[in-house]
Every structure is written in C-alpha cells, then in structure tokens.
C-alpha cells in the first residue's frame, strides 16, 4: 500500500508529537529513593483518629507485630475499642498447628472473642 505525502506528513507529525510527549514526561518524572519502608500498621497517627469511638474488629495473623507486640495488644494499649479478633489459619498468636481443627474461642490474654 502506497501512502501519499499528506499521510506521510501526518504520520511523521504524530510520531514527533508522541516522542516529545514521552521525552517531556521522562524529564518530569522523579523517582524518590527511600532508605526505609514504614508499614501501615506503624502509621498510627494517620488512622487512630478514624478508630476513635468505634467498635473495631481486627483481621490479623501471627505476622501482625509492631516491635515485639501484636497489633491487637498495641491497639488495646492505645485505648481502641477492639471487640473481636479474626485470626485466619494458625490464629493471630500463632498457637494453632497446621491442619489442626480450629474452633473459635476467646483469646487468653485479652479475653476478646476470636474467630478463626
């Protein structure tokens, strides 16, 4: 198929336009380098106000740790009204073995109902 000059000029113009947009976008794109990552679980200042005066259920597992404390224990210490813990698989404290039949019960430390 043969293209006439008008079509070639249009294709050339479009190619130049896309190329210039790509180059200008590349120049304005800034990549920030981070020396560390802060997990959402550690950003209390952002979400604690949202939990005030609310009944809270936590979905967590054994990896839900802040320092050496579970997220549930931390939120309770911060006076969040935690009502129920949902701990899939091995329970949120990791005290259920793989394949073991899991029965919903109360957490021994907090007395809160756990659904597993």
PDB file of N, CA and C in Angstrom:
ATOM      1  N   UNK A   1       0.834  -1.159   0.000  1.00  0.00           N
ATOM      2  CA  UNK A   1       0.000   0.000   0.000  1.00  0.00           C
ATOM      3  C   UNK A   1       0.890   1.237   0.000  1.00  0.00           C
ATOM      4  N   UNK A   2       0.608   2.134  -0.883  1.00  0.00           N
ATOM      5  CA  UNK A   2       1.401   3.350  -1.014  1.00  0.00           C
ATOM      6  C   UNK A   2       0.701   4.502  -0.308  1.00  0.00           C
ATOM      7  N   UNK A   3       1.459   5.226   0.518  1.00  0.00           N
ATOM      8  CA  UNK A   3       0.903   6.371   1.215  1.00  0.00           C
ATOM      9  C   UNK A   3       1.258   7.623   0.459  1.00  0.00           C
ATOM     10  N   UNK A   4       0.307   8.547   0.394  1.00  0.00           N
ATOM     11  CA  UNK A   4       0.634   9.799  -0.270  1.00  0.00           C
ATOM     12  C   UNK A   4       1.351  10.726   0.703  1.00  0.00           C
ATOM     13  N   UNK A   5       1.827  11.833   0.223  1.00  0.00           N
ATOM     14  CA  UNK A   5       2.630  12.751   1.033  1.00  0.00           C
ATOM     15  C   UNK A   5       1.859  13.299   2.222  1.00  0.00           C
ATOM     16  N   UNK A   6       0.572  13.555   2.021  1.00  0.00           N
ATOM     17  CA  UNK A   6      -0.209  14.099   3.134  1.00  0.00           C
ATOM     18  C   UNK A   6      -0.253  13.100   4.289  1.00  0.00           C
ATOM     19  N   UNK A   7      -0.442  11.826   3.995  1.00  0.00           N
ATOM     20  CA  UNK A   7      -0.480  10.807   5.038  1.00  0.00           C
ATOM     21  C   UNK A   7       0.878  10.661   5.708  1.00  0.00           C
ATOM     22  N   UNK A   8       1.959  10.691   4.922  1.00  0.00           N
ATOM     23  CA  UNK A   8       3.302  10.582   5.492  1.00  0.00           C
ATOM     24  C   UNK A   8       3.595  11.744   6.432  1.00  0.00           C
ATOM     25  N   UNK A   9       3.193  12.941   6.044  1.00  0.00           N
ATOM     26  CA  UNK A   9       3.415  14.112   6.900  1.00  0.00           C
ATOM     27  C   UNK A   9       2.634  13.981   8.204  1.00  0.00           C
ATOM     28  N   UNK A  10       1.419  13.479   8.104  1.00  0.00           N
ATOM     29  CA  UNK A  10       0.605  13.300   9.294  1.00  0.00           C
ATOM     30  C   UNK A  10       1.230  12.260  10.218  1.00  0.00           C
ATOM     31  N   UNK A  11       1.688  11.143   9.655  1.00  0.00           N
ATOM     32  CA  UNK A  11       2.342  10.109  10.460  1.00  0.00           C
ATOM     33  C   UNK A  11       3.619  10.639  11.097  1.00  0.00           C
ATOM     34  N   UNK A  12       4.375  11.401  10.365  1.00  0.00           N
ATOM     35  CA  UNK A  12       5.615  11.976  10.866  1.00  0.00           C
ATOM     36  C   UNK A  12       5.323  12.954  12.009  1.00  0.00           C
ATOM     37  N   UNK A  13       4.283  13.770  11.821  1.00  0.00           N
ATOM     38  CA  UNK A  13       3.890  14.730  12.842  1.00  0.00           C
ATOM     39  C   UNK A  13       3.435  14.005  14.118  1.00  0.00           C
ATOM     40  N   UNK A  14       2.635  12.952  13.962  1.00  0.00           N
ATOM     41  CA  UNK A  14       2.174  12.186  15.122  1.00  0.00           C
ATOM     42  C   UNK A  14       3.339  11.514  15.840  1.00  0.00           C
ATOM     43  N   UNK A  15       4.270  10.958  15.090  1.00  0.00           N
ATOM     44  CA  UNK A  15       5.432  10.309  15.693  1.00  0.00           C
ATOM     45  C   UNK A  15       6.250  11.318  16.497  1.00  0.00           C
ATOM     46  N   UNK A  16       6.464  12.509  15.947  1.00  0.00           N
ATOM     47  CA  UNK A  16       7.213  13.554  16.657  1.00  0.00           C
ATOM     48  C   UNK A  16       6.470  14.000  17.917  1.00  0.00           C
ATOM     49  N   UNK A  17       5.147  14.103  17.811  1.00  0.00           N
ATOM     50  CA  UNK A  17       4.345  14.510  18.955  1.00  0.00           C
ATOM     51  C   UNK A  17       4.459  13.494  20.095  1.00  0.00           C
ATOM     52  N   UNK A  18       4.291  12.204  19.771  1.00  0.00           N
ATOM     53  CA  UNK A  18       4.398  11.163  20.797  1.00  0.00           C
ATOM     54  C   UNK A  18       5.802  11.099  21.389  1.00  0.00           C
ATOM     55  N   UNK A  19       6.811  11.277  20.551  1.00  0.00           N
ATOM     56  CA  UNK A  19       8.186  11.254  21.026  1.00  0.00           C
ATOM     57  C   UNK A  19       8.446  12.414  21.985  1.00  0.00           C
ATOM     58  N   UNK A  20       7.962  13.606  21.636  1.00  0.00           N
ATOM     59  CA  UNK A  20       8.196  14.764  22.504  1.00  0.00           C
ATOM     60  C   UNK A  20       7.419  14.643  23.814  1.00  0.00           C
ATOM     61  N   UNK A  21       6.203  14.081  23.759  1.00  0.00           N
ATOM     62  CA  UNK A  21       5.443  13.863  24.998  1.00  0.00           C
ATOM     63  C   UNK A  21       6.183  12.873  25.884  1.00  0.00           C
ATOM     64  N   UNK A  22       6.672  11.806  25.290  1.00  0.00           N
ATOM     65  CA  UNK A  22       7.409  10.796  26.059  1.00  0.00           C
ATOM     66  C   UNK A  22       8.662  11.361  26.692  1.00  0.00           C
ATOM     67  N   UNK A  23       9.402  12.163  25.953  1.00  0.00           N
ATOM     68  CA  UNK A  23      10.631  12.749  26.491  1.00  0.00           C
ATOM     69  C   UNK A  23      10.341  13.762  27.585  1.00  0.00           C
ATOM     70  N   UNK A  24       9.297  14.589  27.394  1.00  0.00           N
ATOM     71  CA  UNK A  24       8.990  15.578  28.431  1.00  0.00           C
ATOM     72  C   UNK A  24       8.474  14.902  29.688  1.00  0.00           C
ATOM     73  N   UNK A  25       7.700  13.829  29.530  1.00  0.00           N
ATOM     74  CA  UNK A  25       7.218  13.092  30.707  1.00  0.00           C
ATOM     75  C   UNK A  25       8.385  12.452  31.438  1.00  0.00           C
ATOM     76  N   UNK A  26       9.363  11.976  30.684  1.00  0.00           N
ATOM     77  CA  UNK A  26      10.522  11.338  31.292  1.00  0.00           C
ATOM     78  C   UNK A  26      11.337  12.363  32.082  1.00  0.00           C
ATOM     79  N   UNK A  27      11.408  13.591  31.590  1.00  0.00           N
ATOM     80  CA  UNK A  27      12.166  14.625  32.292  1.00  0.00           C
ATOM     81  C   UNK A  27      11.477  15.072  33.577  1.00  0.00           C
ATOM     82  N   UNK A  28      10.152  15.054  33.607  1.00  0.00           N
ATOM     83  CA  UNK A  28       9.445  15.495  34.808  1.00  0.00           C
ATOM     84  C   UNK A  28       9.259  14.377  35.812  1.00  0.00           C
ATOM     85  N   UNK A  29       9.458  13.146  35.408  1.00  0.00           N
ATOM     86  CA  UNK A  29       9.296  12.010  36.305  1.00  0.00           C
ATOM     87  C   UNK A  29      10.453  11.974  37.293  1.00  0.00           C
ATOM     88  N   UNK A  30      10.126  11.995  38.570  1.00  0.00           N
ATOM     89  CA  UNK A  30      11.158  11.956  39.591  1.00  0.00           C
ATOM     90  C   UNK A  30      10.972  10.692  40.412  1.00  0.00           C
ATOM     91  N   UNK A  31      12.027   9.960  40.567  1.00  0.00           N
ATOM     92  CA  UNK A  31      11.982   8.743  41.365  1.00  0.00           C
ATOM     93  C   UNK A  31      12.624   9.050  42.702  1.00  0.00           C
ATOM     94  N   UNK A  32      11.849   8.850  43.763  1.00  0.00           N
ATOM     95  CA  UNK A  32      12.371   9.108  45.096  1.00  0.00           C
ATOM     96  C   UNK A  32      13.008   7.844  45.641  1.00  0.00           C
ATOM     97  N   UNK A  33      14.110   8.023  46.302  1.00  0.00           N
ATOM     98  CA  UNK A  33      14.763   6.893  46.942  1.00  0.00           C
ATOM     99  C   UNK A  33      14.417   6.906  48.422  1.00  0.00           C
ATOM    100  N   UNK A  34      14.023   5.769  48.919  1.00  0.00           N
ATOM    101  CA  UNK A  34      13.669   5.646  50.327  1.00  0.00           C
ATOM    102  C   UNK A  34      14.687   4.743  51.013  1.00  0.00           C
ATOM    103  N   UNK A  35      15.101   5.166  52.179  1.00  0.00           N
ATOM    104  CA  UNK A  35      16.066   4.352  52.904  1.00  0.00           C
ATOM    105  C   UNK A  35      15.363   3.294  53.745  1.00  0.00           C
ATOM    106  N   UNK A  36      14.057   3.497  53.993  1.00  0.00           N
ATOM    107  CA  UNK A  36      13.306   2.510  54.756  1.00  0.00           C
ATOM    108  C   UNK A  36      11.839   2.556  54.346  1.00  0.00           C
ATOM    109  N   UNK A  37      11.137   1.536  54.707  1.00  0.00           N
ATOM    110  CA  UNK A  37       9.715   1.449  54.418  1.00  0.00           C
ATOM    111  C   UNK A  37       8.972   1.417  55.743  1.00  0.00           C
ATOM    112  N   UNK A  38       7.917   2.209  55.849  1.00  0.00           N
ATOM    113  CA  UNK A  38       7.093   2.213  57.043  1.00  0.00           C
ATOM    114  C   UNK A  38       5.770   1.554  56.700  1.00  0.00           C
ATOM    115  N   UNK A  39       5.467   0.467  57.376  1.00  0.00           N
ATOM    116  CA  UNK A  39       4.216  -0.252  57.125  1.00  0.00           C
ATOM    117  C   UNK A  39       3.036   0.542  57.669  1.00  0.00           C
ATOM    118  N   UNK A  40       1.876   0.280  57.101  1.00  0.00           N
ATOM    119  CA  UNK A  40       0.659   0.943  57.556  1.00  0.00           C
ATOM    120  C   UNK A  40       0.379   0.699  59.024  1.00  0.00           C
ATOM    121  N   UNK A  41       0.721  -0.473  59.499  1.00  0.00           N
ATOM    122  CA  UNK A  41       0.485  -0.828  60.894  1.00  0.00           C
ATOM    123  C   UNK A  41       1.233   0.107  61.844  1.00  0.00           C
ATOM    124  N   UNK A  42       2.309   0.725  61.362  1.00  0.00           N
ATOM    125  CA  UNK A  42       3.128   1.604  62.192  1.00  0.00           C
ATOM    126  C   UNK A  42       2.763   3.078  62.026  1.00  0.00           C
ATOM    127  N   UNK A  43       1.750   3.386  61.243  1.00  0.00           N
ATOM    128  CA  UNK A  43       1.378   4.774  60.989  1.00  0.00           C
ATOM    129  C   UNK A  43       0.114   5.142  61.768  1.00  0.00           C
ATOM    130  N   UNK A  44       0.188   4.983  63.075  1.00  0.00           N
ATOM    131  CA  UNK A  44      -0.960   5.215  63.937  1.00  0.00           C
ATOM    132  C   UNK A  44      -1.532   6.616  63.793  1.00  0.00           C
ATOM    133  N   UNK A  45      -0.678   7.599  63.630  1.00  0.00           N
ATOM    134  CA  UNK A  45      -1.141   8.979  63.552  1.00  0.00           C
ATOM    135  C   UNK A  45      -2.127   9.193  62.413  1.00  0.00           C
ATOM    136  N   UNK A  46      -2.055   8.363  61.379  1.00  0.00           N
ATOM    137  CA  UNK A  46      -2.952   8.512  60.235  1.00  0.00           C
ATOM    138  C   UNK A  46      -4.304   7.837  60.452  1.00  0.00           C
ATOM    139  N   UNK A  47      -4.329   6.710  61.166  1.00  0.00           N
ATOM    140  CA  UNK A  47      -5.608   6.006  61.266  1.00  0.00           C
ATOM    141  C   UNK A  47      -6.201   5.912  62.665  1.00  0.00           C
ATOM    142  N   UNK A  48      -5.453   6.217  63.695  1.00  0.00           N
ATOM    143  CA  UNK A  48      -6.034   6.173  65.043  1.00  0.00           C
ATOM    144  C   UNK A  48      -7.229   7.112  65.202  1.00  0.00           C
ATOM    145  N   UNK A  49      -7.172   8.333  64.663  1.00  0.00           N
ATOM    146  CA  UNK A  49      -8.346   9.213  64.792  1.00  0.00           C
ATOM    147  C   UNK A  49      -9.608   8.619  64.145  1.00  0.00           C
ATOM    148  N   UNK A  50      -9.436   7.806  63.122  1.00  0.00           N
ATOM    149  CA  UNK A  50     -10.579   7.184  62.458  1.00  0.00           C
ATOM    150  C   UNK A  50     -11.222   6.094  63.314  1.00  0.00           C
ATOM    151  N   UNK A  51     -10.478   5.554  64.276  1.00  0.00           N
ATOM    152  CA  UNK A  51     -10.971   4.470  65.120  1.00  0.00           C
ATOM    153  C   UNK A  51     -11.599   4.968  66.423  1.00  0.00           C
ATOM    154  N   UNK A  52     -11.448   6.244  66.701  1.00  0.00           N
ATOM    155  CA  UNK A  52     -11.969   6.795  67.957  1.00  0.00           C
ATOM    156  C   UNK A  52     -13.478   6.596  68.025  1.00  0.00           C
ATOM    157  N   UNK A  53     -13.940   6.138  69.167  1.00  0.00           N
ATOM    158  CA  UNK A  53     -15.367   5.929  69.449  1.00  0.00           C
ATOM    159  C   UNK A  53     -16.028   4.928  68.502  1.00  0.00           C
ATOM    160  N   UNK A  54     -15.235   4.017  67.942  1.00  0.00           N
ATOM    161  CA  UNK A  54     -15.762   2.977  67.050  1.00  0.00           C
ATOM    162  C   UNK A  54     -15.540   1.617  67.684  1.00  0.00           C
ATOM    163  N   UNK A  55     -16.396   0.654  67.320  1.00  0.00           N
ATOM    164  CA  UNK A  55     -16.176  -0.740  67.678  1.00  0.00           C
ATOM    165  C   UNK A  55     -15.323  -1.330  66.567  1.00  0.00           C
ATOM    166  N   UNK A  56     -14.225  -1.958  66.925  1.00  0.00           N
ATOM    167  CA  UNK A  56     -13.237  -2.377  65.936  1.00  0.00           C
ATOM    168  C   UNK A  56     -13.066  -3.893  65.950  1.00  0.00           C
ATOM    169  N   UNK A  57     -13.037  -4.491  64.758  1.00  0.00           N
ATOM    170  CA  UNK A  57     -12.658  -5.884  64.574  1.00  0.00           C
ATOM    171  C   UNK A  57     -11.337  -5.907  63.823  1.00  0.00           C
ATOM    172  N   UNK A  58     -10.436  -6.756  64.225  1.00  0.00           N
ATOM    173  CA  UNK A  58      -9.105  -6.822  63.621  1.00  0.00           C
ATOM    174  C   UNK A  58      -8.952  -8.150  62.889  1.00  0.00           C
ATOM    175  N   UNK A  59      -8.550  -8.082  61.612  1.00  0.00           N
ATOM    176  CA  UNK A  59      -8.157  -9.273  60.868  1.00  0.00           C
ATOM    177  C   UNK A  59      -6.637  -9.282  60.870  1.00  0.00           C
ATOM    178  N   UNK A  60      -6.066 -10.284  61.508  1.00  0.00           N
ATOM    179  CA  UNK A  60      -4.612 -10.328  61.635  1.00  0.00           C
ATOM    180  C   UNK A  60      -4.151 -11.769  61.767  1.00  0.00           C
ATOM    181  N   UNK A  61      -2.858 -11.952  61.697  1.00  0.00           N
ATOM    182  CA  UNK A  61      -2.288 -13.276  61.942  1.00  0.00           C
ATOM    183  C   UNK A  61      -1.006 -13.097  62.745  1.00  0.00           C
ATOM    184  N   UNK A  62      -0.227 -14.131  62.828  1.00  0.00           N
ATOM    185  CA  UNK A  62       0.973 -14.109  63.660  1.00  0.00           C
ATOM    186  C   UNK A  62       1.989 -13.059  63.191  1.00  0.00           C
ATOM    187  N   UNK A  63       1.890 -12.612  61.939  1.00  0.00           N
ATOM    188  CA  UNK A  63       2.849 -11.608  61.444  1.00  0.00           C
ATOM    189  C   UNK A  63       2.409 -10.180  61.770  1.00  0.00           C
ATOM    190  N   UNK A  64       1.236  -9.990  62.380  1.00  0.00           N
ATOM    191  CA  UNK A  64       0.760  -8.655  62.739  1.00  0.00           C
ATOM    192  C   UNK A  64       1.438  -8.143  63.992  1.00  0.00           C
ATOM    193  N   UNK A  65       2.709  -7.830  63.868  1.00  0.00           N
ATOM    194  CA  UNK A  65       3.548  -7.456  65.012  1.00  0.00           C
ATOM    195  C   UNK A  65       4.078  -6.035  64.836  1.00  0.00           C
ATOM    196  N   UNK A  66       4.085  -5.294  65.908  1.00  0.00           N
ATOM    197  CA  UNK A  66       4.723  -3.980  65.950  1.00  0.00           C
ATOM    198  C   UNK A  66       5.794  -4.073  67.020  1.00  0.00           C
ATOM    199  N   UNK A  67       7.020  -4.079  66.602  1.00  0.00           N
ATOM    200  CA  UNK A  67       8.116  -4.315  67.556  1.00  0.00           C
ATOM    201  C   UNK A  67       8.008  -5.738  68.069  1.00  0.00           C
ATOM    202  N   UNK A  68       7.738  -5.904  69.351  1.00  0.00           N
ATOM    203  CA  UNK A  68       7.579  -7.236  69.952  1.00  0.00           C
ATOM    204  C   UNK A  68       6.147  -7.505  70.401  1.00  0.00           C
ATOM    205  N   UNK A  69       5.210  -6.657  69.964  1.00  0.00           N
ATOM    206  CA  UNK A  69       3.833  -6.731  70.443  1.00  0.00           C
ATOM    207  C   UNK A  69       2.875  -6.914  69.273  1.00  0.00           C
ATOM    208  N   UNK A  70       1.800  -7.667  69.498  1.00  0.00           N
ATOM    209  CA  UNK A  70       0.808  -7.842  68.434  1.00  0.00           C
ATOM    210  C   UNK A  70       0.063  -6.530  68.213  1.00  0.00           C
ATOM    211  N   UNK A  71      -0.483  -6.382  67.025  1.00  0.00           N
ATOM    212  CA  UNK A  71      -1.257  -5.183  66.713  1.00  0.00           C
ATOM    213  C   UNK A  71      -2.474  -5.079  67.627  1.00  0.00           C
ATOM    214  N   UNK A  72      -3.063  -6.206  67.989  1.00  0.00           N
ATOM    215  CA  UNK A  72      -4.223  -6.202  68.895  1.00  0.00           C
ATOM    216  C   UNK A  72      -3.824  -5.638  70.257  1.00  0.00           C
ATOM    217  N   UNK A  73      -2.755  -6.153  70.825  1.00  0.00           N
ATOM    218  CA  UNK A  73      -2.292  -5.668  72.132  1.00  0.00           C
ATOM    219  C   UNK A  73      -1.925  -4.187  72.078  1.00  0.00           C
ATOM    220  N   UNK A  74      -1.321  -3.764  70.982  1.00  0.00           N
ATOM    221  CA  UNK A  74      -0.942  -2.357  70.828  1.00  0.00           C
ATOM    222  C   UNK A  74      -2.170  -1.470  70.758  1.00  0.00           C
ATOM    223  N   UNK A  75      -3.166  -1.864  69.959  1.00  0.00           N
ATOM    224  CA  UNK A  75      -4.374  -1.049  69.846  1.00  0.00           C
ATOM    225  C   UNK A  75      -5.129  -0.984  71.172  1.00  0.00           C
ATOM    226  N   UNK A  76      -5.171  -2.087  71.895  1.00  0.00           N
ATOM    227  CA  UNK A  76      -5.819  -2.066  73.207  1.00  0.00           C
ATOM    228  C   UNK A  76      -5.088  -1.125  74.159  1.00  0.00           C
ATOM    229  N   UNK A  77      -3.766  -1.145  74.112  1.00  0.00           N
ATOM    230  CA  UNK A  77      -2.969  -0.244  74.959  1.00  0.00           C
ATOM    231  C   UNK A  77      -3.242   1.220  74.604  1.00  0.00           C
ATOM    232  N   UNK A  78      -3.559   1.481  73.324  1.00  0.00           N
ATOM    233  CA  UNK A  78      -3.862   2.839  72.868  1.00  0.00           C
ATOM    234  C   UNK A  78      -5.344   3.188  73.036  1.00  0.00           C
ATOM    235  N   UNK A  79      -6.061   2.355  73.784  1.00  0.00           N
ATOM    236  CA  UNK A  79      -7.463   2.582  74.141  1.00  0.00           C
ATOM    237  C   UNK A  79      -8.428   2.499  72.954  1.00  0.00           C
ATOM    238  N   UNK A  80      -8.079   1.715  71.927  1.00  0.00           N
ATOM    239  CA  UNK A  80      -9.003   1.457  70.817  1.00  0.00           C
ATOM    240  C   UNK A  80      -9.972   0.378  71.283  1.00  0.00           C
ATOM    241  N   UNK A  81     -11.246   0.541  70.971  1.00  0.00           N
ATOM    242  CA  UNK A  81     -12.300  -0.364  71.420  1.00  0.00           C
ATOM    243  C   UNK A  81     -12.369  -1.607  70.517  1.00  0.00           C
ATOM    244  N   UNK A  82     -11.387  -2.484  70.657  1.00  0.00           N
ATOM    245  CA  UNK A  82     -11.345  -3.726  69.877  1.00  0.00           C
ATOM    246  C   UNK A  82     -12.375  -4.682  70.457  1.00  0.00           C
ATOM    247  N   UNK A  83     -13.283  -5.175  69.601  1.00  0.00           N
ATOM    248  CA  UNK A  83     -14.360  -6.053  70.050  1.00  0.00           C
ATOM    249  C   UNK A  83     -14.171  -7.508  69.643  1.00  0.00           C
ATOM    250  N   UNK A  84     -13.491  -7.738  68.513  1.00  0.00           N
ATOM    251  CA  UNK A  84     -13.359  -9.104  68.014  1.00  0.00           C
ATOM    252  C   UNK A  84     -12.074  -9.220  67.201  1.00  0.00           C
ATOM    253  N   UNK A  85     -11.477 -10.407  67.263  1.00  0.00           N
ATOM    254  CA  UNK A  85     -10.248 -10.688  66.529  1.00  0.00           C
ATOM    255  C   UNK A  85     -10.546 -11.789  65.518  1.00  0.00           C
ATOM    256  N   UNK A  86     -10.207 -11.531  64.265  1.00  0.00           N
ATOM    257  CA  UNK A  86     -10.340 -12.529  63.210  1.00  0.00           C
ATOM    258  C   UNK A  86      -8.925 -12.994  62.868  1.00  0.00           C
ATOM    259  N   UNK A  87      -8.612 -14.235  63.219  1.00  0.00           N
ATOM    260  CA  UNK A  87      -7.259 -14.749  63.024  1.00  0.00           C
ATOM    261  C   UNK A  87      -7.253 -15.973  62.145  1.00  0.00           C
ATOM    262  N   UNK A  88      -7.140 -15.805  60.835  1.00  0.00           N
ATOM    263  CA  UNK A  88      -7.170 -16.951  59.933  1.00  0.00           C
ATOM    264  C   UNK A  88      -5.986 -17.896  60.131  1.00  0.00           C
ATOM    265  N   UNK A  89      -6.137 -19.088  59.630  1.00  0.00           N
ATOM    266  CA  UNK A  89      -5.130 -20.152  59.638  1.00  0.00           C
ATOM    267  C   UNK A  89      -4.664 -20.531  61.031  1.00  0.00           C
ATOM    268  N   UNK A  90      -3.527 -20.056  61.478  1.00  0.00           N
ATOM    269  CA  UNK A  90      -2.923 -20.503  62.735  1.00  0.00           C
ATOM    270  C   UNK A  90      -3.307 -19.634  63.929  1.00  0.00           C
ATOM    271  N   UNK A  91      -4.343 -18.830  63.779  1.00  0.00           N
ATOM    272  CA  UNK A  91      -4.729 -17.924  64.851  1.00  0.00           C
ATOM    273  C   UNK A  91      -3.800 -16.725  64.894  1.00  0.00           C
ATOM    274  N   UNK A  92      -4.234 -15.653  65.493  1.00  0.00           N
ATOM    275  CA  UNK A  92      -3.411 -14.444  65.426  1.00  0.00           C
ATOM    276  C   UNK A  92      -2.198 -14.500  66.341  1.00  0.00           C
ATOM    277  N   UNK A  93      -2.176 -15.376  67.294  1.00  0.00           N
ATOM    278  CA  UNK A  93      -0.981 -15.535  68.130  1.00  0.00           C
ATOM    279  C   UNK A  93      -0.119 -16.703  67.659  1.00  0.00           C
ATOM    280  N   UNK A  94      -0.555 -17.387  66.598  1.00  0.00           N
ATOM    281  CA  UNK A  94       0.236 -18.488  66.043  1.00  0.00           C
ATOM    282  C   UNK A  94       0.234 -19.730  66.900  1.00  0.00           C
ATOM    283  N   UNK A  95      -0.807 -19.924  67.688  1.00  0.00           N
ATOM    284  CA  UNK A  95      -0.831 -21.063  68.605  1.00  0.00           C
ATOM    285  C   UNK A  95      -1.669 -22.236  68.098  1.00  0.00           C
ATOM    286  N   UNK A  96      -1.994 -22.272  66.821  1.00  0.00           N
ATOM    287  CA  UNK A  96      -2.729 -23.383  66.233  1.00  0.00           C
ATOM    288  C   UNK A  96      -1.844 -24.050  65.184  1.00  0.00           C
ATOM    289  N   UNK A  97      -1.663 -25.336  65.282  1.00  0.00           N
ATOM    290  CA  UNK A  97      -0.805 -26.074  64.350  1.00  0.00           C
ATOM    291  C   UNK A  97      -1.486 -26.250  62.997  1.00  0.00           C
ATOM    292  N   UNK A  98      -0.667 -26.422  61.957  1.00  0.00           N
ATOM    293  CA  UNK A  98      -1.184 -26.666  60.610  1.00  0.00           C
ATOM    294  C   UNK A  98      -2.041 -27.922  60.610  1.00  0.00           C
ATOM    295  N   UNK A  99      -3.217 -27.840  60.015  1.00  0.00           N
ATOM    296  CA  UNK A  99      -4.111 -28.983  59.916  1.00  0.00           C
ATOM    297  C   UNK A  99      -4.971 -29.209  61.144  1.00  0.00           C
ATOM    298  N   UNK A 100      -4.669 -28.523  62.227  1.00  0.00           N
ATOM    299  CA  UNK A 100      -5.446 -28.680  63.453  1.00  0.00           C
ATOM    300  C   UNK A 100      -6.821 -28.050  63.269  1.00  0.00           C
ATOM    301  N   UNK A 101      -7.837 -28.698  63.796  1.00  0.00           N
ATOM    302  CA  UNK A 101      -9.183 -28.142  63.723  1.00  0.00           C
ATOM    303  C   UNK A 101      -9.222 -26.900  64.604  1.00  0.00           C
ATOM    304  N   UNK A 102      -9.635 -25.802  64.010  1.00  0.00           N
ATOM    305  CA  UNK A 102      -9.644 -24.529  64.721  1.00  0.00           C
ATOM    306  C   UNK A 102     -11.068 -24.215  65.160  1.00  0.00           C
ATOM    307  N   UNK A 103     -11.220 -23.967  66.414  1.00  0.00           N
ATOM    308  CA  UNK A 103     -12.521 -23.626  66.968  1.00  0.00           C
ATOM    309  C   UNK A 103     -12.453 -22.182  67.457  1.00  0.00           C
ATOM    310  N   UNK A 104     -13.453 -21.401  67.082  1.00  0.00           N
ATOM    311  CA  UNK A 104     -13.497 -20.022  67.565  1.00  0.00           C
ATOM    312  C   UNK A 104     -13.619 -20.032  69.079  1.00  0.00           C
ATOM    313  N   UNK A 105     -12.873 -19.166  69.716  1.00  0.00           N
ATOM    314  CA  UNK A 105     -12.837 -19.129  71.181  1.00  0.00           C
ATOM    315  C   UNK A 105     -12.429 -17.738  71.634  1.00  0.00           C
ATOM    316  N   UNK A 106     -12.060 -17.605  72.883  1.00  0.00           N
ATOM    317  CA  UNK A 106     -11.594 -16.317  73.404  1.00  0.00           C
ATOM    318  C   UNK A 106     -10.075 -16.328  73.507  1.00  0.00           C
ATOM    319  N   UNK A 107      -9.490 -15.171  73.243  1.00  0.00           N
ATOM    320  CA  UNK A 107      -8.052 -15.004  73.420  1.00  0.00           C
ATOM    321  C   UNK A 107      -7.750 -15.011  74.912  1.00  0.00           C
ATOM    322  N   UNK A 108      -6.797 -15.846  75.341  1.00  0.00           N
ATOM    323  CA  UNK A 108      -6.481 -15.988  76.766  1.00  0.00           C
ATOM    324  C   UNK A 108      -5.931 -14.693  77.368  1.00  0.00           C
ATOM    325  N   UNK A 109      -5.171 -13.944  76.590  1.00  0.00           N
ATOM    326  CA  UNK A 109      -4.536 -12.742  77.135  1.00  0.00           C
ATOM    327  C   UNK A 109      -5.518 -11.575  77.281  1.00  0.00           C
ATOM    328  N   UNK A 110      -6.364 -11.364  76.253  1.00  0.00           N
ATOM    329  CA  UNK A 110      -7.235 -10.182  76.259  1.00  0.00           C
ATOM    330  C   UNK A 110      -8.668 -10.495  76.647  1.00  0.00           C
ATOM    331  N   UNK A 111      -9.080 -11.766  76.506  1.00  0.00           N
ATOM    332  CA  UNK A 111     -10.467 -12.136  76.767  1.00  0.00           C
ATOM    333  C   UNK A 111     -11.407 -11.825  75.601  1.00  0.00           C
ATOM    334  N   UNK A 112     -10.845 -11.309  74.518  1.00  0.00           N
ATOM    335  CA  UNK A 112     -11.659 -10.973  73.348  1.00  0.00           C
ATOM    336  C   UNK A 112     -12.054 -12.227  72.566  1.00  0.00           C
ATOM    337  N   UNK A 113     -13.262 -12.218  71.965  1.00  0.00           N
ATOM    338  CA  UNK A 113     -13.645 -13.348  71.132  1.00  0.00           C
ATOM    339  C   UNK A 113     -12.783 -13.399  69.877  1.00  0.00           C
ATOM    340  N   UNK A 114     -12.390 -14.626  69.512  1.00  0.00           N
ATOM    341  CA  UNK A 114     -11.580 -14.834  68.301  1.00  0.00           C
ATOM    342  C   UNK A 114     -12.375 -15.703  67.338  1.00  0.00           C
ATOM    343  N   UNK A 115     -12.340 -15.293  66.085  1.00  0.00           N
ATOM    344  CA  UNK A 115     -12.935 -16.092  65.019  1.00  0.00           C
ATOM    345  C   UNK A 115     -11.791 -16.532  64.134  1.00  0.00           C
ATOM    346  N   UNK A 116     -11.630 -17.866  64.002  1.00  0.00           N
ATOM    347  CA  UNK A 116     -10.517 -18.378  63.202  1.00  0.00           C
ATOM    348  C   UNK A 116     -11.014 -19.245  62.079  1.00  0.00           C
TER     349      UNK A 116
END
